[in-house]
Protein backbone atom coordinates (compact mmCIF):
# COMPACT_ATOMS: atom_id res chain seq x y z
CA MET A 1 98.57 97.93 113.56
CA SER A 2 101.64 100.16 113.41
CA VAL A 3 102.22 103.84 114.16
CA PHE A 4 102.24 104.48 110.41
CA ASP A 5 98.68 103.09 110.09
CA LEU A 6 97.23 105.71 112.45
CA LYS A 7 95.64 108.89 111.12
CA CYS A 8 96.70 112.44 112.00
CA GLY A 9 95.60 113.31 115.52
CA GLU A 10 95.02 109.70 116.62
CA CYS A 11 96.52 108.41 119.86
CA ALA A 12 97.47 104.82 120.64
CA LYS A 13 99.42 102.77 123.17
CA ILE A 14 102.70 101.14 122.12
CA THR A 15 102.46 97.36 122.50
CA ARG A 16 105.65 96.17 120.80
CA ILE A 17 108.79 97.62 119.25
CA THR A 18 110.69 95.34 116.86
CA VAL A 19 113.51 97.80 116.15
CA GLU A 20 117.07 96.71 117.00
CA GLY A 21 120.49 98.30 117.31
CA SER A 22 121.19 102.01 117.59
CA ALA A 23 117.65 102.96 116.54
CA LYS A 24 116.27 101.01 119.53
CA THR A 25 118.71 102.80 121.85
CA ARG A 26 117.69 106.17 120.43
CA LEU A 27 113.98 105.45 120.89
CA ASP A 28 114.56 104.26 124.48
CA SER A 29 116.58 107.37 125.35
CA LEU A 30 113.80 109.60 123.98
CA GLY A 31 111.14 107.79 126.02
CA VAL A 32 109.44 105.95 123.16
CA THR A 33 108.95 102.64 124.97
CA VAL A 34 106.33 99.91 125.34
CA GLY A 35 103.34 101.10 127.35
CA LYS A 36 103.64 104.78 126.39
CA ARG A 37 100.99 106.64 124.39
CA VAL A 38 101.92 108.14 121.04
CA THR A 39 100.08 110.68 118.92
CA VAL A 40 100.52 111.08 115.17
CA LEU A 41 101.05 114.80 114.57
CA SER A 42 101.57 114.83 110.80
CA PHE A 43 102.85 112.98 107.77
CA SER A 44 105.53 114.16 105.36
CA LEU A 45 104.91 114.83 101.71
CA PHE A 46 104.09 111.57 99.88
CA LYS A 47 103.82 109.85 103.31
CA SER A 48 107.49 108.88 103.41
CA GLY A 49 107.75 109.77 107.11
CA VAL A 50 105.67 110.60 110.15
CA LEU A 51 105.96 113.09 113.02
CA ILE A 52 104.89 111.60 116.36
CA GLY A 53 104.54 112.96 119.86
CA CYS A 54 105.33 110.84 122.89
CA GLY A 55 105.17 112.67 126.20
CA ALA A 56 107.13 115.91 125.80
CA VAL A 57 109.10 114.58 122.81
CA ARG A 58 108.31 115.16 119.14
CA LEU A 59 110.08 112.79 116.83
CA GLY A 60 110.24 112.33 113.07
CA LEU A 61 110.40 108.70 111.90
CA ARG A 62 110.97 107.18 108.49
CA LYS A 63 108.20 104.96 107.15
CA ALA A 64 110.20 101.73 107.66
CA LEU A 65 110.93 102.54 111.32
CA ALA A 66 107.35 103.66 112.03
CA ARG A 67 106.03 100.35 110.69
CA GLN A 68 108.11 98.47 113.30
CA ILE A 69 106.36 100.18 116.23
CA GLU A 70 103.14 98.28 116.92
CA VAL A 71 100.25 100.02 118.70
CA GLU A 72 96.70 99.39 119.85
CA ALA A 73 94.06 102.09 119.82
């Protein structure tokens, strides 16, 4: 299951991140790492993106990037 498969308000633990390159560096620097809990705050119009919360950080992700972050409820 990925972050994008969660519903608004649901929390889950990150189990695997398959993102590479500068996007991986950006996620690491913002604290979105394996073992952290994420909460889906909202989806964009037509579900093309998702707003997540991880610790004190709120982050908007495109659908393709959100699908590469695997979680378990």
